[in-house]
Protein backbone atom coordinates (compact mmCIF):
# COMPACT_ATOMS: atom_id res chain seq x y z
CA UNK A 1 -5.03 -42.70 -16.47
CA UNK A 2 -2.84 -39.70 -17.06
CA UNK A 3 1.00 -39.91 -15.17
CA UNK A 4 0.92 -37.28 -12.49
CA UNK A 5 3.07 -34.14 -12.84
CA UNK A 6 6.60 -34.35 -11.53
CA UNK A 7 8.61 -31.53 -10.30
CA UNK A 8 12.07 -31.82 -9.26
CA UNK A 9 13.49 -29.54 -6.86
CA UNK A 10 16.92 -29.13 -4.29
CA UNK A 11 17.13 -27.38 -1.52
CA UNK A 12 20.40 -27.26 0.62
CA UNK A 13 19.77 -25.59 4.34
CA UNK A 14 16.99 -24.99 6.58
CA UNK A 15 16.15 -21.32 4.59
CA UNK A 16 15.64 -23.74 1.16
CA UNK A 17 13.71 -25.72 3.08
CA UNK A 18 11.32 -22.84 4.22
CA UNK A 19 11.06 -21.31 0.78
CA UNK A 20 10.92 -24.89 -0.86
CA UNK A 21 7.84 -25.62 1.48
CA UNK A 22 6.10 -22.57 0.69
CA UNK A 23 6.59 -23.25 -3.22
CA UNK A 24 5.36 -26.40 -2.76
CA UNK A 25 1.98 -25.44 -1.47
CA UNK A 26 1.89 -22.80 -3.87
CA UNK A 27 2.12 -24.84 -6.93
CA UNK A 28 0.09 -27.48 -5.98
CA UNK A 29 -2.85 -24.62 -6.25
CA UNK A 30 -1.68 -24.48 -10.06
CA UNK A 31 -1.04 -28.29 -10.07
CA UNK A 32 -2.89 -30.09 -7.43
CA UNK A 33 -1.98 -33.40 -8.23
CA UNK A 34 1.88 -32.28 -8.39
CA UNK A 35 4.64 -34.77 -7.10
CA UNK A 36 7.81 -33.60 -6.14
CA UNK A 37 11.02 -35.20 -5.74
CA UNK A 38 14.88 -34.60 -5.27
CA UNK A 39 16.68 -33.26 -2.21
CA UNK A 40 14.35 -31.62 0.44
CA UNK A 41 13.99 -30.57 4.11
CA UNK A 42 11.34 -31.36 7.02
CA UNK A 43 9.06 -29.03 6.17
CA UNK A 44 8.83 -30.73 2.57
CA UNK A 45 8.92 -33.65 3.66
CA UNK A 46 5.60 -32.95 5.55
CA UNK A 47 4.02 -32.03 2.37
CA UNK A 48 4.80 -35.60 0.75
CA UNK A 49 8.14 -34.39 -0.76
CA UNK A 50 10.38 -37.68 -1.51
CA UNK A 51 14.12 -36.73 -0.81
CA UNK A 52 16.84 -38.78 -2.35
CA UNK A 53 19.32 -37.79 0.24
CA UNK A 54 19.01 -36.12 3.55
CA UNK A 55 19.08 -32.24 3.07
CA UNK A 56 21.84 -31.73 5.68
CA UNK A 57 24.57 -33.87 3.05
CA UNK A 58 24.43 -30.76 0.87
CA UNK A 59 24.73 -28.17 4.27
CA UNK A 60 28.44 -27.57 3.85
CA UNK A 61 29.99 -24.25 4.85
CA UNK A 62 33.37 -22.59 4.83
CA UNK A 63 36.32 -23.63 2.57
CA UNK A 64 37.92 -26.91 3.64
CA UNK A 65 34.29 -28.94 4.50
CA UNK A 66 33.47 -28.51 0.99
CA UNK A 67 36.71 -29.71 -0.45
CA UNK A 68 36.36 -32.73 1.87
CA UNK A 69 33.01 -33.51 0.99
CA UNK A 70 33.56 -32.92 -2.81
CA UNK A 71 33.56 -36.70 -3.86
CA UNK A 72 30.40 -36.80 -2.10
CA UNK A 73 28.71 -34.20 -3.37
CA UNK A 74 29.74 -34.78 -6.97
CA UNK A 75 28.21 -38.16 -6.49
CA UNK A 76 25.07 -36.71 -5.32
CA UNK A 77 25.00 -34.48 -8.26
CA UNK A 78 25.56 -37.11 -10.69
CA UNK A 79 22.51 -39.16 -9.16
CA UNK A 80 20.39 -36.35 -9.62
CA UNK A 81 21.39 -35.55 -13.26
CA UNK A 82 20.91 -39.10 -14.41
CA UNK A 83 17.78 -39.45 -12.33
CA UNK A 84 15.98 -36.53 -13.72
CA UNK A 85 17.37 -37.11 -17.60
CA UNK A 86 15.80 -40.71 -17.54
CA UNK A 87 12.64 -39.47 -15.48
CA UNK A 88 12.24 -36.15 -16.96
CA UNK A 89 10.08 -33.68 -14.65
CA UNK A 90 7.99 -30.95 -16.20
CA UNK A 91 10.25 -28.37 -14.34
CA UNK A 92 13.55 -28.67 -11.98
CA UNK A 93 13.65 -25.85 -9.50
CA UNK A 94 16.87 -25.18 -7.67
CA UNK A 95 16.61 -23.33 -4.14
CA UNK A 96 19.50 -21.31 -3.27
CA UNK A 97 22.68 -23.70 -3.01
CA UNK A 98 24.34 -22.30 -6.17
CA UNK A 99 27.36 -23.88 -6.47
CA UNK A 100 25.66 -27.42 -6.43
CA UNK A 101 22.48 -26.29 -8.11
CA UNK A 102 23.71 -24.12 -11.35
CA UNK A 103 25.71 -27.05 -12.78
CA UNK A 104 22.68 -29.73 -12.26
CA UNK A 105 20.79 -26.61 -13.62
CA UNK A 106 22.60 -26.32 -16.96
CA UNK A 107 23.09 -30.27 -17.23
CA UNK A 108 19.20 -30.76 -17.00
CA UNK A 109 18.50 -27.43 -19.15
CA UNK A 110 20.93 -29.32 -22.05
CA UNK A 111 18.64 -32.20 -21.79
CA UNK A 112 15.48 -30.10 -22.55
CA UNK A 113 14.17 -30.01 -19.18
CA UNK A 114 12.95 -26.34 -17.97
CA UNK A 115 15.23 -25.33 -15.35
CA UNK A 116 14.64 -22.56 -12.82
CA UNK A 117 16.62 -21.21 -9.86
CA UNK A 118 14.84 -19.61 -6.94
CA UNK A 119 17.21 -17.11 -4.62
CA UNK A 120 19.77 -15.31 -6.43
CA UNK A 121 23.49 -15.68 -5.40
CA UNK A 122 25.32 -12.57 -4.44
CA UNK A 123 26.48 -12.51 -8.28
CA UNK A 124 25.64 -8.81 -8.30
CA UNK A 125 28.22 -8.12 -5.48
CA UNK A 126 31.27 -10.50 -6.06
CA UNK A 127 32.33 -12.77 -8.89
CA UNK A 128 30.17 -10.82 -11.59
CA UNK A 129 31.19 -13.51 -14.42
CA UNK A 130 29.34 -16.25 -12.58
CA UNK A 131 26.20 -14.58 -14.55
CA UNK A 132 27.16 -16.42 -17.60
CA UNK A 133 27.12 -19.39 -16.68
CA UNK A 134 23.70 -18.84 -15.00
CA UNK A 135 22.24 -17.75 -18.34
CA UNK A 136 23.37 -20.84 -19.47
CA UNK A 137 22.08 -22.76 -16.97
CA UNK A 138 18.52 -21.60 -16.22
CA UNK A 139 15.51 -20.70 -17.88
CA UNK A 140 14.13 -18.42 -15.41
CA UNK A 141 15.71 -16.75 -11.92
CA UNK A 142 13.81 -15.58 -9.26
CA UNK A 143 15.06 -12.82 -7.34
CA UNK A 144 13.79 -11.90 -3.37
CA UNK A 145 14.85 -8.43 -4.30
CA UNK A 146 14.62 -6.03 -6.93
CA UNK A 147 17.92 -4.74 -7.46
CA UNK A 148 18.63 -8.24 -8.15
CA UNK A 149 16.42 -8.49 -10.86
CA UNK A 150 17.60 -5.57 -12.77
CA UNK A 151 21.13 -6.96 -12.69
CA UNK A 152 20.01 -9.84 -14.64
CA UNK A 153 18.16 -7.89 -16.89
CA UNK A 154 20.98 -6.11 -17.82
CA UNK A 155 22.55 -9.56 -18.54
CA UNK A 156 19.81 -10.71 -20.60
CA UNK A 157 18.93 -13.34 -17.88
CA UNK A 158 15.06 -14.18 -17.88
CA UNK A 159 14.25 -13.28 -14.38
CA UNK A 160 11.35 -11.92 -12.06
CA UNK A 161 11.37 -10.42 -9.02
CA UNK A 162 9.21 -12.35 -6.55
CA UNK A 163 9.60 -10.51 -3.28
CA UNK A 164 10.95 -12.16 0.19
CA UNK A 165 9.09 -14.53 2.59
CA UNK A 166 10.18 -12.83 5.43
CA UNK A 167 8.71 -9.33 4.05
CA UNK A 168 5.10 -11.49 3.81
CA UNK A 169 5.78 -12.86 7.43
CA UNK A 170 6.68 -9.77 9.55
CA UNK A 171 3.79 -7.35 10.22
CA UNK A 172 3.97 -3.65 8.34
CA UNK A 173 3.54 -2.22 12.01
CA UNK A 174 5.38 -3.92 15.11
CA UNK A 175 4.02 -4.46 18.64
CA UNK A 176 6.87 -3.24 20.57
CA UNK A 177 5.00 -3.19 23.87
CA UNK A 178 3.87 -6.87 23.32
CA UNK A 179 7.60 -7.80 22.52
CA UNK A 180 8.74 -6.14 25.80
CA UNK A 181 6.34 -8.06 27.75
CA UNK A 182 7.33 -11.38 26.31
CA UNK A 183 10.78 -10.49 27.52
CA UNK A 184 9.75 -9.37 31.12
CA UNK A 185 10.63 -5.49 30.20
CA UNK A 186 9.53 -2.46 31.14
CA UNK A 187 7.54 -0.76 28.90
CA UNK A 188 9.09 2.70 29.44
CA UNK A 189 13.20 1.30 29.15
CA UNK A 190 15.54 2.79 26.56
CA UNK A 191 17.04 -0.63 25.20
CA UNK A 192 19.47 -1.28 22.66
CA UNK A 193 19.71 -4.89 21.47
CA UNK A 194 23.07 -6.19 20.55
CA UNK A 195 23.19 -8.99 17.74
CA UNK A 196 27.19 -9.50 17.11
CA UNK A 197 26.28 -12.70 15.18
CA UNK A 198 25.32 -16.38 14.98
CA UNK A 199 28.63 -17.98 14.34
CA UNK A 200 31.65 -18.25 16.93
CA UNK A 201 33.96 -16.76 14.58
CA UNK A 202 31.59 -13.45 14.41
CA UNK A 203 31.32 -13.37 18.07
CA UNK A 204 34.72 -13.25 18.79
CA UNK A 205 35.33 -10.63 16.24
CA UNK A 206 32.30 -8.48 17.32
CA UNK A 207 31.13 -9.01 20.63
CA UNK A 208 34.03 -7.43 22.57
CA UNK A 209 33.63 -4.16 20.33
CA UNK A 210 29.88 -4.38 20.66
CA UNK A 211 30.08 -4.34 24.61
CA UNK A 212 32.96 -1.93 24.83
CA UNK A 213 30.39 0.21 22.31
CA UNK A 214 27.45 -0.39 24.93
CA UNK A 215 29.29 0.78 28.19
CA UNK A 216 30.08 4.18 26.02
CA UNK A 217 26.36 4.35 25.12
CA UNK A 218 25.48 3.54 29.36
CA UNK A 219 28.24 6.18 30.28
CA UNK A 220 26.06 8.77 28.13
CA UNK A 221 22.66 7.46 29.44
CA UNK A 222 22.47 5.46 32.56
CA UNK A 223 18.88 4.52 32.39
CA UNK A 224 19.72 2.46 28.90
CA UNK A 225 19.14 -1.25 28.92
CA UNK A 226 20.80 -3.83 26.66
CA UNK A 227 19.22 -7.15 25.61
CA UNK A 228 22.01 -9.93 23.87
CA UNK A 229 20.08 -12.79 22.21
CA UNK A 230 22.30 -15.74 21.84
CA UNK A 231 21.33 -17.90 18.19
CA UNK A 232 22.44 -20.98 20.05
CA UNK A 233 23.26 -22.56 23.22
CA UNK A 234 27.21 -22.72 21.99
CA UNK A 235 26.88 -18.67 21.35
CA UNK A 236 24.71 -18.41 24.96
CA UNK A 237 28.08 -19.84 26.42
CA UNK A 238 30.50 -17.77 24.34
CA UNK A 239 28.63 -14.55 25.25
CA UNK A 240 28.41 -15.30 28.55
CA UNK A 241 32.40 -15.79 29.00
CA UNK A 242 32.81 -12.21 27.53
CA UNK A 243 30.08 -10.48 29.72
CA UNK A 244 32.39 -11.47 32.58
CA UNK A 245 34.26 -8.18 31.88
CA UNK A 246 31.08 -6.03 31.71
CA UNK A 247 29.42 -6.94 35.17
CA UNK A 248 28.51 -3.31 35.37
CA UNK A 249 26.18 -2.85 32.43
CA UNK A 250 22.42 -4.03 32.97
CA UNK A 251 22.71 -6.56 29.91
CA UNK A 252 20.00 -9.56 29.45
CA UNK A 253 21.59 -12.48 27.87
CA UNK A 254 18.82 -14.39 26.63
CA UNK A 255 18.37 -17.58 24.50
CA UNK A 256 17.01 -17.20 21.07
CA UNK A 257 13.91 -14.93 20.73
CA UNK A 258 15.76 -12.54 18.08
CA UNK A 259 12.83 -11.58 16.94
CA UNK A 260 11.23 -10.04 20.29
CA UNK A 261 14.53 -8.77 21.09
CA UNK A 262 14.76 -6.84 18.00
CA UNK A 263 11.27 -5.78 18.18
CA UNK A 264 11.54 -4.55 22.08
CA UNK A 265 14.46 -1.99 21.06
CA UNK A 266 14.56 1.38 20.45
CA UNK A 267 18.29 0.63 18.25
CA UNK A 268 20.15 -2.12 17.37
CA UNK A 269 23.92 -2.70 16.82
CA UNK A 270 23.80 -5.51 14.53
CA UNK A 271 25.95 -7.68 12.19
CA UNK A 272 25.33 -7.40 8.60
CA UNK A 273 23.40 -10.27 7.50
CA UNK A 274 20.06 -11.77 7.21
CA UNK A 275 19.59 -10.23 10.83
CA UNK A 276 19.98 -6.57 9.58
CA UNK A 277 17.06 -7.53 7.06
CA UNK A 278 14.79 -8.50 9.85
CA UNK A 279 15.78 -5.33 11.70
CA UNK A 280 14.69 -3.22 8.93
CA UNK A 281 11.50 -5.44 8.49
CA UNK A 282 10.73 -4.79 12.04
CA UNK A 283 11.56 -1.03 11.74
CA UNK A 284 14.26 -0.68 13.94
CA UNK A 285 16.78 1.74 13.87
CA UNK A 286 20.25 0.25 13.00
CA UNK A 287 24.13 0.33 13.06
CA UNK A 288 25.63 -2.40 11.22
CA UNK A 289 29.08 -4.07 11.11
CA UNK A 290 30.96 -6.24 9.13
CA UNK A 291 34.34 -7.65 10.25
CA UNK A 292 35.86 -10.99 8.88
CA UNK A 293 39.69 -12.47 9.42
CA UNK A 294 42.05 -10.37 7.63
CA UNK A 295 43.31 -12.65 5.11
CA UNK A 296 39.41 -12.89 3.73
CA UNK A 297 38.74 -9.21 3.62
CA UNK A 298 41.88 -8.69 1.58
CA UNK A 299 40.68 -11.34 -1.05
CA UNK A 300 36.84 -10.06 -0.57
CA UNK A 301 37.46 -6.24 -0.78
CA UNK A 302 39.30 -6.92 -4.16
CA UNK A 303 36.11 -8.68 -5.65
CA UNK A 304 33.06 -7.02 -4.17
CA UNK A 305 31.29 -4.66 -6.36
CA UNK A 306 28.97 -2.84 -4.35
CA UNK A 307 29.18 0.43 -2.20
CA UNK A 308 27.23 -1.00 0.50
CA UNK A 309 27.35 -4.29 2.71
CA UNK A 310 24.14 -3.80 4.52
CA UNK A 311 20.51 -5.19 2.72
CA UNK A 312 18.92 -1.83 4.29
CA UNK A 313 21.27 0.44 2.37
CA UNK A 314 21.62 -2.00 -0.58
CA UNK A 315 17.60 -1.76 -0.94
CA UNK A 316 17.65 1.68 -0.62
CA UNK A 317 20.50 2.41 -3.27
CA UNK A 318 22.14 5.03 -0.75
CA UNK A 319 23.42 4.61 3.18
CA UNK A 320 20.31 5.01 5.56
CA UNK A 321 21.99 3.09 8.15
CA UNK A 322 25.75 3.74 9.47
CA UNK A 323 28.03 1.09 8.20
CA UNK A 324 31.29 -0.08 9.97
CA UNK A 325 33.31 -2.31 8.21
CA UNK A 326 36.77 -3.91 8.99
CA UNK A 327 39.25 -1.53 10.90
CA UNK A 328 36.12 1.03 11.40
CA UNK A 329 34.24 -1.14 13.84
CA UNK A 330 35.64 0.43 16.83
CA UNK A 331 33.31 1.30 20.06
CA UNK A 332 33.24 5.01 20.25
CA UNK A 333 32.04 5.88 16.58
CA UNK A 334 29.53 3.23 16.88
CA UNK A 335 28.19 4.31 20.25
CA UNK A 336 27.96 7.72 18.89
CA UNK A 337 25.72 6.52 16.03
CA UNK A 338 23.69 4.56 18.42
CA UNK A 339 23.08 7.58 20.42
CA UNK A 340 22.36 9.82 17.52
CA UNK A 341 18.90 7.76 17.27
CA UNK A 342 17.88 8.73 20.80
CA UNK A 343 19.10 12.51 20.14
CA UNK A 344 17.65 12.85 17.16
CA UNK A 345 14.06 11.47 17.19
CA UNK A 346 13.28 13.26 13.87
CA UNK A 347 15.77 10.93 11.89
CA UNK A 348 14.37 8.05 13.24
CA UNK A 349 10.76 9.03 12.41
CA UNK A 350 12.24 9.26 8.66
CA UNK A 351 13.90 6.08 8.55
CA UNK A 352 11.18 4.24 9.78
CA UNK A 353 9.14 5.77 6.65
CA UNK A 354 12.03 4.42 4.09
CA UNK A 355 11.62 1.06 6.06
CA UNK A 356 8.12 1.12 5.44
CA UNK A 357 8.22 1.96 1.92
CA UNK A 358 11.17 -1.09 1.28
CA UNK A 359 8.83 -3.42 3.23
CA UNK A 360 5.65 -2.82 1.36
CA UNK A 361 7.90 -3.26 -2.03
CA UNK A 362 9.43 -6.37 -0.95
CA UNK A 363 5.83 -7.92 0.35
CA UNK A 364 4.69 -9.57 -2.79
CA UNK A 365 3.43 -12.95 -1.29
CA UNK A 366 6.41 -14.51 -2.72
CA UNK A 367 5.47 -18.24 -2.92
CA UNK A 368 2.78 -17.28 -5.04
CA UNK A 369 4.55 -15.22 -7.07
CA UNK A 370 7.28 -17.80 -7.53
CA UNK A 371 4.56 -20.57 -8.43
CA UNK A 372 2.76 -17.95 -10.51
CA UNK A 373 6.19 -17.36 -12.70
CA UNK A 374 6.86 -21.17 -13.07
CA UNK A 375 3.44 -21.64 -14.24
CA UNK A 376 3.81 -18.96 -17.02
CA UNK A 377 7.40 -20.49 -17.66
CA UNK A 378 5.43 -23.97 -18.25
CA UNK A 379 2.46 -22.06 -20.73
CA UNK A 380 0.05 -22.49 -17.58
CA UNK A 381 -0.01 -18.66 -16.84
């Protein structure tokens, strides 16, 4: 009997678990008897993944928490390094979690184990010197966006653009009326969705100016209605408290249902991040805001190398949606930018066409494209 193929994988958070589970399924089309082990989440475990540690042991954020957890994280990484070197997998795949995975990938590559990293860190935007460590650590980088692949090619890092799983998941045409019915909204209402973020700090910084902008829009058009989806029960309570000063506005505060809230909207005021990518894939005209603590911004503004901060503009290579950063996050200009979508529908139509082109570019059956790239690396493509 031949030994079954072993594939090592490490994911560090829920988004990585989604990607890892999709990749496992696609890899089994190439290697039906493959066994997977390392660190995985519930979706991966449901497919038979053997996880040596709970995924949430790697899910640390911020500046202080990783330092407090550093001894444990180093111990976990040493265990994985020693295990995989003693029991070499056919390939090791680090999914996101670059601070943890890149060093592990480098250790395993040095031991002769093919190493792949899936989901590029934002090395193209800041701390670009990291690309040299990545080049030493991986045999293949798999990117979600085409401009990332171009960056790695410029630095002679083996890379393939595989597309984004959200572009595969979201339809090319959005049923706005179905979303409105799901939210019990009138079909002919003019709706603006407000999404100030999923973390407490974001909502503290962006919630008040977003609500002030909404009031200014309402003054211009009393027929407007607003949807405010909360990302969690904690954010629901936080937003409910902020709304105490805006009882004059017709705002529906809802728990979750962010995809429906975006789909139902005629325009969106949104924080920069994955939600802006989702809004673009759902073809919603948007205004993007980004605001962090002043010290963080003072540091980041000196390090960031890109002209734009929102994914729609990064993907387009130019400003297609208005961005308001830090001190620019002011109610009046954001309200004016939102109302422009209502007052100039021809611009909205052109924007939708640009969105559609980007969506099609990102729609590459990401899991299967990633699996095929890994198979080629192993000489099986």
